[in-house]
Amino acid sequence: MSQVLVTGAAGRIGTVLRGGLPERGWAVRSLDVVPMTDTRPGEEQVVADTTDLTAMEDAVAGVSAVVHLAGIATESTWPAISHANIEGTYCVLEAARRAGVSRVVLASSNHATGYTPRPDGGLLREVDAPPRPDTYYGVSKAAMEALGSLYVDRYGMDVVCLRIGSAFAEPTTVRHLSTWLSPGDQVRLVDAALRAPAPGFAVVWGVSANTRNWWDLTAARALGYEPADDAEVFASALVEAYGEPDLADPVHARVGGEYTLAQFDAENVEPPLPGGDIAPGSGAER
């Protein structure tokens, strides 16, 4: 059984993967900045900070691949975001390179290209959505993709960047009818990214097979991803509660939704909690 290191393992997506990846034949080594009390049989646990390169070198020893989820998972100050998300990604990739671990899956985000207009009919391909971040958080995800590209071109690694939409148990807003990535599809997508033969550098959208999708899943399907869920089963209740989306509203007119609004300007966000840049249980994307 091949072993995969999952960083940010105490977070929402990490918790889903810790339950789902073993069912697909992966042994999981879970890393977070806090101890986890709900480890599964056979699951290894590492308490470490991804910005500590030495600790990351120890954490990747002996694994076949890395899934990197850890970091600040919303907008924050530049010092916090740049340290936790950009420095953390560098340390993960560099530790993997030094250990000879050639496959890394990076949790990017739709916010790497958040100011991209929502497509007016048709579906948006990754190639048609170059980096256009909506926040410092989005900048860190664009930098994550750039670092992944560098490690593929310079060192011959395989790096798959997942531009995750809204990874929740179920949709809670009308926007999520387009952007939802179900728990089951989170596992299917990551498993495909881990198994795809020689992907080189790949950037793919991370969403379910939603009837109202904005994003083209051709590239993700080329990796072997076959989504099974559709947010449309929640549509009637959400539309009844909130109404049909107003496509003139920036929340629905831009890929990044509310992250493109003034409330997410860096001057308006709260500083990180004292005691560290990476929040315990981080790693949930939107």
C-alpha atoms as a PDB file:
ATOM      1  CA  MET A   1       0.000   0.000   0.000  1.00  0.00           C
ATOM      2  CA  SER A   2       1.464   3.364  -1.041  1.00  0.00           C
ATOM      3  CA  GLN A   3       1.626   6.064   1.598  1.00  0.00           C
ATOM      4  CA  VAL A   4       0.641   9.697   1.071  1.00  0.00           C
ATOM      5  CA  LEU A   5       1.407  12.648   3.346  1.00  0.00           C
ATOM      6  CA  VAL A   6      -1.592  14.943   3.810  1.00  0.00           C
ATOM      7  CA  THR A   7      -0.779  18.372   5.241  1.00  0.00           C
ATOM      8  CA  GLY A   8      -3.511  20.392   6.928  1.00  0.00           C
ATOM      9  CA  ALA A   9      -5.004  17.017   7.803  1.00  0.00           C
ATOM     10  CA  ALA A  10      -7.171  18.325  10.660  1.00  0.00           C
ATOM     11  CA  GLY A  11      -9.040  20.673   8.321  1.00  0.00           C
ATOM     12  CA  ARG A  12     -12.308  20.079   6.516  1.00  0.00           C
ATOM     13  CA  ILE A  13     -10.856  18.629   3.306  1.00  0.00           C
ATOM     14  CA  GLY A  14      -8.067  16.885   5.179  1.00  0.00           C
ATOM     15  CA  THR A  15     -10.567  15.127   7.415  1.00  0.00           C
ATOM     16  CA  VAL A  16     -12.518  13.942   4.369  1.00  0.00           C
ATOM     17  CA  LEU A  17      -9.362  12.624   2.712  1.00  0.00           C
ATOM     18  CA  ARG A  18      -8.206  10.846   5.856  1.00  0.00           C
ATOM     19  CA  GLY A  19     -11.426   8.872   5.740  1.00  0.00           C
ATOM     20  CA  GLY A  20     -11.669   8.385   1.975  1.00  0.00           C
ATOM     21  CA  LEU A  21      -8.154   7.781   0.695  1.00  0.00           C
ATOM     22  CA  PRO A  22      -7.586   4.560   2.698  1.00  0.00           C
ATOM     23  CA  GLU A  23     -10.713   3.138   1.068  1.00  0.00           C
ATOM     24  CA  ARG A  24      -8.932   3.662  -2.260  1.00  0.00           C
ATOM     25  CA  GLY A  25      -5.779   1.908  -1.197  1.00  0.00           C
ATOM     26  CA  TRP A  26      -3.716   4.754   0.252  1.00  0.00           C
ATOM     27  CA  ALA A  27      -2.044   4.685   3.647  1.00  0.00           C
ATOM     28  CA  VAL A  28      -2.225   8.175   5.135  1.00  0.00           C
ATOM     29  CA  ARG A  29       0.356  10.073   7.130  1.00  0.00           C
ATOM     30  CA  SER A  30      -1.470  13.095   8.551  1.00  0.00           C
ATOM     31  CA  LEU A  31       0.281  16.368   9.361  1.00  0.00           C
ATOM     32  CA  ASP A  32      -1.092  19.431  11.114  1.00  0.00           C
ATOM     33  CA  VAL A  33       0.081  21.982  13.676  1.00  0.00           C
ATOM     34  CA  VAL A  34      -2.131  20.435  16.344  1.00  0.00           C
ATOM     35  CA  PRO A  35      -2.471  16.835  17.534  1.00  0.00           C
ATOM     36  CA  MET A  36      -5.497  14.966  16.189  1.00  0.00           C
ATOM     37  CA  THR A  37      -7.562  12.791  18.512  1.00  0.00           C
ATOM     38  CA  ASP A  38      -9.584  11.063  15.792  1.00  0.00           C
ATOM     39  CA  THR A  39      -6.867   9.153  13.951  1.00  0.00           C
ATOM     40  CA  ARG A  40      -7.941   6.008  12.107  1.00  0.00           C
ATOM     41  CA  PRO A  41      -6.398   2.550  12.398  1.00  0.00           C
ATOM     42  CA  GLY A  42      -3.095   2.509  10.544  1.00  0.00           C
ATOM     43  CA  GLU A  43      -2.975   6.305  10.194  1.00  0.00           C
ATOM     44  CA  GLU A  44       0.311   7.965  11.117  1.00  0.00           C
ATOM     45  CA  GLN A  45       0.266  11.411  12.705  1.00  0.00           C
ATOM     46  CA  VAL A  46       2.865  14.173  12.505  1.00  0.00           C
ATOM     47  CA  VAL A  47       2.590  17.436  14.436  1.00  0.00           C
ATOM     48  CA  ALA A  48       4.596  20.020  12.504  1.00  0.00           C
ATOM     49  CA  ASP A  49       4.443  23.373  10.736  1.00  0.00           C
ATOM     50  CA  THR A  50       4.807  23.265   6.958  1.00  0.00           C
ATOM     51  CA  THR A  51       6.998  26.390   7.072  1.00  0.00           C
ATOM     52  CA  ASP A  52       9.661  24.391   8.949  1.00  0.00           C
ATOM     53  CA  LEU A  53      11.759  22.869   6.168  1.00  0.00           C
ATOM     54  CA  THR A  54      13.630  20.494   8.445  1.00  0.00           C
ATOM     55  CA  ALA A  55      10.380  19.189   9.920  1.00  0.00           C
ATOM     56  CA  MET A  56       8.959  18.754   6.428  1.00  0.00           C
ATOM     57  CA  GLU A  57      11.995  16.775   5.312  1.00  0.00           C
ATOM     58  CA  ASP A  58      11.326  14.391   8.187  1.00  0.00           C
ATOM     59  CA  ALA A  59       7.591  14.276   7.398  1.00  0.00           C
ATOM     60  CA  VAL A  60       7.998  13.299   3.731  1.00  0.00           C
ATOM     61  CA  ALA A  61      10.540  10.549   4.368  1.00  0.00           C
ATOM     62  CA  GLY A  62       9.283   7.276   2.917  1.00  0.00           C
ATOM     63  CA  VAL A  63       6.033   8.507   1.366  1.00  0.00           C
ATOM     64  CA  SER A  64       5.067   8.094  -2.281  1.00  0.00           C
ATOM     65  CA  ALA A  65       3.266  11.420  -2.677  1.00  0.00           C
ATOM     66  CA  VAL A  66       2.166  14.572  -0.871  1.00  0.00           C
ATOM     67  CA  VAL A  67      -1.218  16.306  -0.789  1.00  0.00           C
ATOM     68  CA  HIS A  68      -0.648  19.852   0.437  1.00  0.00           C
ATOM     69  CA  LEU A  69      -3.703  21.466   2.045  1.00  0.00           C
ATOM     70  CA  ALA A  70      -2.163  23.340   4.978  1.00  0.00           C
ATOM     71  CA  GLY A  71      -2.173  27.114   5.275  1.00  0.00           C
ATOM     72  CA  ILE A  72      -4.440  30.034   5.981  1.00  0.00           C
ATOM     73  CA  ALA A  73      -7.690  29.236   4.214  1.00  0.00           C
ATOM     74  CA  THR A  74      -9.199  32.718   3.936  1.00  0.00           C
ATOM     75  CA  GLU A  75      -8.015  36.291   3.480  1.00  0.00           C
ATOM     76  CA  SER A  76      -5.586  37.651   6.077  1.00  0.00           C
ATOM     77  CA  THR A  77      -2.669  40.070   6.347  1.00  0.00           C
ATOM     78  CA  TRP A  78       0.197  39.913   3.870  1.00  0.00           C
ATOM     79  CA  PRO A  79       2.819  38.818   6.440  1.00  0.00           C
ATOM     80  CA  ALA A  80       0.582  35.957   7.579  1.00  0.00           C
ATOM     81  CA  ILE A  81      -0.471  34.851   4.084  1.00  0.00           C
ATOM     82  CA  SER A  82       2.990  35.080   2.538  1.00  0.00           C
ATOM     83  CA  HIS A  83       4.596  33.134   5.373  1.00  0.00           C
ATOM     84  CA  ALA A  84       2.030  30.387   5.869  1.00  0.00           C
ATOM     85  CA  ASN A  85       0.862  29.875   2.303  1.00  0.00           C
ATOM     86  CA  ILE A  86       3.814  30.778   0.088  1.00  0.00           C
ATOM     87  CA  GLU A  87       6.711  29.818   2.351  1.00  0.00           C
ATOM     88  CA  GLY A  88       4.778  26.720   3.402  1.00  0.00           C
ATOM     89  CA  THR A  89       4.305  25.629  -0.223  1.00  0.00           C
ATOM     90  CA  TYR A  90       7.991  26.189  -0.947  1.00  0.00           C
ATOM     91  CA  CYS A  91       8.984  24.038   2.042  1.00  0.00           C
ATOM     92  CA  VAL A  92       6.633  21.232   1.016  1.00  0.00           C
ATOM     93  CA  LEU A  93       7.912  21.158  -2.566  1.00  0.00           C
ATOM     94  CA  GLU A  94      11.549  21.492  -1.572  1.00  0.00           C
ATOM     95  CA  ALA A  95      11.284  18.780   1.075  1.00  0.00           C
ATOM     96  CA  ALA A  96       9.608  16.480  -1.455  1.00  0.00           C
ATOM     97  CA  ARG A  97      12.342  17.183  -4.007  1.00  0.00           C
ATOM     98  CA  ARG A  98      15.114  16.461  -1.525  1.00  0.00           C
ATOM     99  CA  ALA A  99      13.446  13.203  -0.502  1.00  0.00           C
ATOM    100  CA  GLY A 100      12.868  12.068  -4.073  1.00  0.00           C
ATOM    101  CA  VAL A 101       9.078  12.274  -3.753  1.00  0.00           C
ATOM    102  CA  SER A 102       8.060  13.156  -7.278  1.00  0.00           C
ATOM    103  CA  ARG A 103       4.241  13.514  -6.965  1.00  0.00           C
ATOM    104  CA  VAL A 104       2.739  16.525  -5.169  1.00  0.00           C
ATOM    105  CA  VAL A 105      -0.905  17.578  -5.267  1.00  0.00           C
ATOM    106  CA  LEU A 106      -1.428  21.235  -4.342  1.00  0.00           C
ATOM    107  CA  ALA A 107      -4.712  22.680  -3.091  1.00  0.00           C
ATOM    108  CA  SER A 108      -4.995  25.816  -5.185  1.00  0.00           C
ATOM    109  CA  SER A 109      -8.250  27.770  -5.364  1.00  0.00           C
ATOM    110  CA  ASN A 110     -10.659  29.505  -7.698  1.00  0.00           C
ATOM    111  CA  HIS A 111      -9.446  32.678  -5.947  1.00  0.00           C
ATOM    112  CA  ALA A 112      -6.156  32.448  -7.853  1.00  0.00           C
ATOM    113  CA  THR A 113      -8.204  33.733 -10.771  1.00  0.00           C
ATOM    114  CA  GLY A 114     -11.042  35.380  -8.838  1.00  0.00           C
ATOM    115  CA  TYR A 115     -11.382  38.547 -10.928  1.00  0.00           C
ATOM    116  CA  THR A 116     -11.932  36.490 -14.086  1.00  0.00           C
ATOM    117  CA  PRO A 117     -15.451  37.183 -15.412  1.00  0.00           C
ATOM    118  CA  ARG A 118     -17.895  34.332 -15.176  1.00  0.00           C
ATOM    119  CA  PRO A 119     -18.348  32.888 -18.686  1.00  0.00           C
ATOM    120  CA  ASP A 120     -21.372  34.144 -20.593  1.00  0.00           C
ATOM    121  CA  GLY A 121     -22.555  30.769 -21.787  1.00  0.00           C
ATOM    122  CA  GLY A 122     -20.217  27.838 -22.220  1.00  0.00           C
ATOM    123  CA  LEU A 123     -17.652  26.698 -19.692  1.00  0.00           C
ATOM    124  CA  LEU A 124     -14.398  28.273 -18.580  1.00  0.00           C
ATOM    125  CA  ARG A 125     -11.250  26.306 -19.325  1.00  0.00           C
ATOM    126  CA  GLU A 126      -8.147  26.602 -17.155  1.00  0.00           C
ATOM    127  CA  VAL A 127      -6.170  28.021 -20.087  1.00  0.00           C
ATOM    128  CA  ASP A 128      -8.707  30.838 -20.377  1.00  0.00           C
ATOM    129  CA  ALA A 129      -8.306  31.790 -16.707  1.00  0.00           C
ATOM    130  CA  PRO A 130      -4.689  32.847 -16.073  1.00  0.00           C
ATOM    131  CA  PRO A 131      -3.817  34.159 -12.613  1.00  0.00           C
ATOM    132  CA  ARG A 132      -6.046  37.091 -11.695  1.00  0.00           C
ATOM    133  CA  PRO A 133      -6.197  36.850  -7.895  1.00  0.00           C
ATOM    134  CA  ASP A 134      -8.874  38.559  -5.867  1.00  0.00           C
ATOM    135  CA  THR A 135      -7.075  38.766  -2.472  1.00  0.00           C
ATOM    136  CA  TYR A 136      -3.709  38.150  -0.838  1.00  0.00           C
ATOM    137  CA  TYR A 137      -5.081  34.647  -0.312  1.00  0.00           C
ATOM    138  CA  GLY A 138      -5.637  34.394  -4.071  1.00  0.00           C
ATOM    139  CA  VAL A 139      -2.119  35.702  -4.703  1.00  0.00           C
ATOM    140  CA  SER A 140      -0.744  32.924  -2.508  1.00  0.00           C
ATOM    141  CA  LYS A 141      -2.591  30.349  -4.596  1.00  0.00           C
ATOM    142  CA  ALA A 142      -1.263  31.875  -7.832  1.00  0.00           C
ATOM    143  CA  ALA A 143       2.222  31.702  -6.290  1.00  0.00           C
ATOM    144  CA  MET A 144       1.531  28.093  -5.320  1.00  0.00           C
ATOM    145  CA  GLU A 145       0.797  27.252  -8.947  1.00  0.00           C
ATOM    146  CA  ALA A 146       3.932  29.105 -10.091  1.00  0.00           C
ATOM    147  CA  LEU A 147       6.097  27.219  -7.602  1.00  0.00           C
ATOM    148  CA  GLY A 148       4.582  23.949  -8.769  1.00  0.00           C
ATOM    149  CA  SER A 149       5.405  24.830 -12.372  1.00  0.00           C
ATOM    150  CA  LEU A 150       9.006  25.623 -11.424  1.00  0.00           C
ATOM    151  CA  TYR A 151       9.505  22.291  -9.651  1.00  0.00           C
ATOM    152  CA  VAL A 152       8.129  20.418 -12.654  1.00  0.00           C
ATOM    153  CA  ASP A 153      10.260  22.234 -15.230  1.00  0.00           C
ATOM    154  CA  ARG A 154      13.468  22.380 -13.209  1.00  0.00           C
ATOM    155  CA  TYR A 155      13.346  19.087 -11.332  1.00  0.00           C
ATOM    156  CA  GLY A 156      11.056  16.849 -13.379  1.00  0.00           C
ATOM    157  CA  MET A 157       8.458  16.379 -10.657  1.00  0.00           C
ATOM    158  CA  ASP A 158       4.749  15.780 -11.240  1.00  0.00           C
ATOM    159  CA  VAL A 159       2.639  18.529  -9.679  1.00  0.00           C
ATOM    160  CA  VAL A 160      -1.143  18.772  -9.961  1.00  0.00           C
ATOM    161  CA  CYS A 161      -2.814  22.004  -8.803  1.00  0.00           C
ATOM    162  CA  LEU A 162      -6.486  21.718  -7.902  1.00  0.00           C
ATOM    163  CA  ARG A 163      -8.370  25.003  -8.237  1.00  0.00           C
ATOM    164  CA  ILE A 164     -10.946  24.099  -5.627  1.00  0.00           C
ATOM    165  CA  GLY A 165     -14.353  25.721  -5.744  1.00  0.00           C
ATOM    166  CA  SER A 166     -16.516  25.387  -2.601  1.00  0.00           C
ATOM    167  CA  ALA A 167     -15.613  22.310  -0.582  1.00  0.00           C
ATOM    168  CA  PHE A 168     -18.448  21.842   1.892  1.00  0.00           C
ATOM    169  CA  ALA A 169     -20.655  18.988   3.018  1.00  0.00           C
ATOM    170  CA  GLU A 170     -23.450  20.565   0.980  1.00  0.00           C
ATOM    171  CA  PRO A 171     -24.098  23.871  -0.790  1.00  0.00           C
ATOM    172  CA  THR A 172     -25.313  26.698   1.446  1.00  0.00           C
ATOM    173  CA  THR A 173     -25.594  29.554  -1.090  1.00  0.00           C
ATOM    174  CA  VAL A 174     -26.892  29.918  -4.636  1.00  0.00           C
ATOM    175  CA  ARG A 175     -23.314  30.494  -5.830  1.00  0.00           C
ATOM    176  CA  HIS A 176     -22.386  27.069  -4.485  1.00  0.00           C
ATOM    177  CA  LEU A 177     -24.783  25.517  -7.014  1.00  0.00           C
ATOM    178  CA  SER A 178     -22.033  26.297  -9.533  1.00  0.00           C
ATOM    179  CA  THR A 179     -18.905  25.930  -7.395  1.00  0.00           C
ATOM    180  CA  TRP A 180     -19.605  22.991  -5.053  1.00  0.00           C
ATOM    181  CA  LEU A 181     -17.082  20.169  -4.623  1.00  0.00           C
ATOM    182  CA  SER A 182     -18.755  17.424  -2.629  1.00  0.00           C
ATOM    183  CA  PRO A 183     -16.891  15.359  -0.018  1.00  0.00           C
ATOM    184  CA  GLY A 184     -17.089  12.274  -2.216  1.00  0.00           C
ATOM    185  CA  ASP A 185     -15.751  14.153  -5.205  1.00  0.00           C
ATOM    186  CA  GLN A 186     -12.963  15.635  -3.073  1.00  0.00           C
ATOM    187  CA  VAL A 187     -11.694  12.094  -2.582  1.00  0.00           C
ATOM    188  CA  ARG A 188     -12.224  11.144  -6.239  1.00  0.00           C
ATOM    189  CA  LEU A 189     -10.373  14.238  -7.468  1.00  0.00           C
ATOM    190  CA  VAL A 190      -7.372  13.842  -5.175  1.00  0.00           C
ATOM    191  CA  ASP A 191      -7.165  10.120  -5.875  1.00  0.00           C
ATOM    192  CA  ALA A 192      -7.136  10.830  -9.626  1.00  0.00           C
ATOM    193  CA  ALA A 193      -4.432  13.484  -9.178  1.00  0.00           C
ATOM    194  CA  LEU A 194      -2.325  10.978  -7.238  1.00  0.00           C
ATOM    195  CA  ARG A 195      -2.738   8.176  -9.779  1.00  0.00           C
ATOM    196  CA  ALA A 196      -2.636   9.954 -13.150  1.00  0.00           C
ATOM    197  CA  PRO A 197       0.362   8.661 -15.104  1.00  0.00           C
ATOM    198  CA  ALA A 198       3.020  11.344 -15.690  1.00  0.00           C
ATOM    199  CA  PRO A 199       0.810  14.459 -15.522  1.00  0.00           C
ATOM    200  CA  GLY A 200       3.821  16.804 -15.435  1.00  0.00           C
ATOM    201  CA  PHE A 201       2.377  20.172 -14.464  1.00  0.00           C
ATOM    202  CA  ALA A 202      -1.416  20.304 -14.444  1.00  0.00           C
ATOM    203  CA  VAL A 203      -3.917  22.890 -13.247  1.00  0.00           C
ATOM    204  CA  VAL A 204      -7.509  21.654 -13.054  1.00  0.00           C
ATOM    205  CA  TRP A 205     -10.793  22.917 -11.669  1.00  0.00           C
ATOM    206  CA  GLY A 206     -11.947  21.224  -8.482  1.00  0.00           C
ATOM    207  CA  VAL A 207     -15.747  21.055  -8.639  1.00  0.00           C
ATOM    208  CA  SER A 208     -18.421  18.406  -8.814  1.00  0.00           C
ATOM    209  CA  ALA A 209     -20.504  17.603 -11.892  1.00  0.00           C
ATOM    210  CA  ASN A 210     -22.840  20.503 -11.181  1.00  0.00           C
ATOM    211  CA  THR A 211     -25.607  21.268 -13.643  1.00  0.00           C
ATOM    212  CA  ARG A 212     -24.807  24.975 -13.198  1.00  0.00           C
ATOM    213  CA  ASN A 213     -21.019  24.627 -13.471  1.00  0.00           C
ATOM    214  CA  TRP A 214     -19.023  27.596 -14.753  1.00  0.00           C
ATOM    215  CA  TRP A 215     -15.944  25.465 -15.252  1.00  0.00           C
ATOM    216  CA  ASP A 216     -14.899  22.939 -17.890  1.00  0.00           C
ATOM    217  CA  LEU A 217     -13.888  19.632 -16.289  1.00  0.00           C
ATOM    218  CA  THR A 218     -12.183  18.220 -19.393  1.00  0.00           C
ATOM    219  CA  ALA A 219      -8.687  18.628 -17.955  1.00  0.00           C
ATOM    220  CA  ALA A 220      -9.684  17.078 -14.622  1.00  0.00           C
ATOM    221  CA  ARG A 221     -11.341  14.158 -16.382  1.00  0.00           C
ATOM    222  CA  ALA A 222      -8.140  13.642 -18.386  1.00  0.00           C
ATOM    223  CA  LEU A 223      -6.453  12.831 -15.072  1.00  0.00           C
ATOM    224  CA  GLY A 224      -9.071  10.147 -14.423  1.00  0.00           C
ATOM    225  CA  TYR A 225     -11.474  12.224 -12.307  1.00  0.00           C
ATOM    226  CA  GLU A 226     -15.084  11.142 -12.659  1.00  0.00           C
ATOM    227  CA  PRO A 227     -17.307  13.322 -10.448  1.00  0.00           C
ATOM    228  CA  ALA A 228     -20.426  11.663  -9.129  1.00  0.00           C
ATOM    229  CA  ASP A 229     -22.312  14.492  -7.418  1.00  0.00           C
ATOM    230  CA  ASP A 230     -24.363  17.485  -8.568  1.00  0.00           C
ATOM    231  CA  ALA A 231     -25.375  20.481  -6.445  1.00  0.00           C
ATOM    232  CA  GLU A 232     -28.646  20.715  -8.350  1.00  0.00           C
ATOM    233  CA  VAL A 233     -30.316  18.407  -5.827  1.00  0.00           C
ATOM    234  CA  PHE A 234     -30.104  21.345  -3.398  1.00  0.00           C
ATOM    235  CA  ALA A 235     -31.224  23.982  -5.921  1.00  0.00           C
ATOM    236  CA  SER A 236     -34.932  24.257  -5.170  1.00  0.00           C
ATOM    237  CA  ALA A 237     -34.419  24.934  -1.472  1.00  0.00           C
ATOM    238  CA  LEU A 238     -31.600  27.442  -2.034  1.00  0.00           C
ATOM    239  CA  VAL A 239     -33.410  29.309  -4.810  1.00  0.00           C
ATOM    240  CA  GLU A 240     -36.551  29.453  -2.668  1.00  0.00           C
ATOM    241  CA  ALA A 241     -34.510  30.931   0.181  1.00  0.00           C
ATOM    242  CA  TYR A 242     -32.294  33.337  -1.786  1.00  0.00           C
ATOM    243  CA  GLY A 243     -33.769  33.695  -5.277  1.00  0.00           C
ATOM    244  CA  GLU A 244     -32.144  33.035  -8.635  1.00  0.00           C
ATOM    245  CA  PRO A 245     -28.640  34.546  -8.973  1.00  0.00           C
ATOM    246  CA  ASP A 246     -28.408  38.095 -10.317  1.00  0.00           C
ATOM    247  CA  LEU A 247     -25.667  37.821 -12.928  1.00  0.00           C
ATOM    248  CA  ALA A 248     -25.002  41.563 -12.671  1.00  0.00           C
ATOM    249  CA  ASP A 249     -24.038  41.083  -9.022  1.00  0.00           C
ATOM    250  CA  PRO A 250     -20.230  40.696  -8.695  1.00  0.00           C
ATOM    251  CA  VAL A 251     -20.795  37.700  -6.431  1.00  0.00           C
ATOM    252  CA  HIS A 252     -22.162  35.872  -9.475  1.00  0.00           C
ATOM    253  CA  ALA A 253     -20.429  37.800 -12.279  1.00  0.00           C
ATOM    254  CA  ARG A 254     -16.859  37.007 -11.192  1.00  0.00           C
ATOM    255  CA  VAL A 255     -15.223  33.675 -10.482  1.00  0.00           C
ATOM    256  CA  GLY A 256     -14.108  34.745  -6.982  1.00  0.00           C
ATOM    257  CA  GLY A 257     -17.576  35.773  -5.842  1.00  0.00           C
ATOM    258  CA  GLU A 258     -17.656  37.704  -2.555  1.00  0.00           C
ATOM    259  CA  TYR A 259     -13.862  37.657  -2.356  1.00  0.00           C
ATOM    260  CA  THR A 260     -13.851  40.342  -5.059  1.00  0.00           C
ATOM    261  CA  LEU A 261     -15.946  42.708  -2.913  1.00  0.00           C
ATOM    262  CA  ALA A 262     -14.603  45.607  -0.839  1.00  0.00           C
ATOM    263  CA  GLN A 263     -15.161  43.756   2.440  1.00  0.00           C
ATOM    264  CA  PHE A 264     -12.211  41.511   1.546  1.00  0.00           C
ATOM    265  CA  ASP A 265      -9.812  44.403   1.079  1.00  0.00           C
ATOM    266  CA  ALA A 266      -6.769  43.702   3.242  1.00  0.00           C
ATOM    267  CA  GLU A 267      -7.525  46.760   5.387  1.00  0.00           C
ATOM    268  CA  ASN A 268     -10.799  45.168   6.431  1.00  0.00           C
ATOM    269  CA  VAL A 269      -9.628  41.703   7.418  1.00  0.00           C
ATOM    270  CA  GLU A 270      -8.806  40.633  10.930  1.00  0.00           C
ATOM    271  CA  PRO A 271      -5.178  39.802  11.755  1.00  0.00           C
ATOM    272  CA  PRO A 272      -4.373  36.133  12.405  1.00  0.00           C
ATOM    273  CA  LEU A 273      -4.809  34.651  15.840  1.00  0.00           C
ATOM    274  CA  PRO A 274      -1.835  35.093  18.175  1.00  0.00           C
ATOM    275  CA  GLY A 275       0.512  32.167  18.496  1.00  0.00           C
ATOM    276  CA  GLY A 276       1.095  31.220  14.900  1.00  0.00           C
ATOM    277  CA  ASP A 277       0.444  31.947  11.255  1.00  0.00           C
ATOM    278  CA  ILE A 278      -1.216  28.649  10.417  1.00  0.00           C
ATOM    279  CA  ALA A 279      -4.493  28.056  12.195  1.00  0.00           C
ATOM    280  CA  PRO A 280      -5.103  24.606  13.655  1.00  0.00           C
ATOM    281  CA  GLY A 281      -7.225  22.537  11.323  1.00  0.00           C
ATOM    282  CA  SER A 282      -6.491  24.732   8.330  1.00  0.00           C
ATOM    283  CA  GLY A 283      -6.678  23.520   4.795  1.00  0.00           C
ATOM    284  CA  ALA A 284     -10.316  24.046   3.769  1.00  0.00           C
ATOM    285  CA  GLU A 285     -10.729  25.828   0.455  1.00  0.00           C
ATOM    286  CA  ARG A 286     -13.689  27.748  -0.852  1.00  0.00           C
END
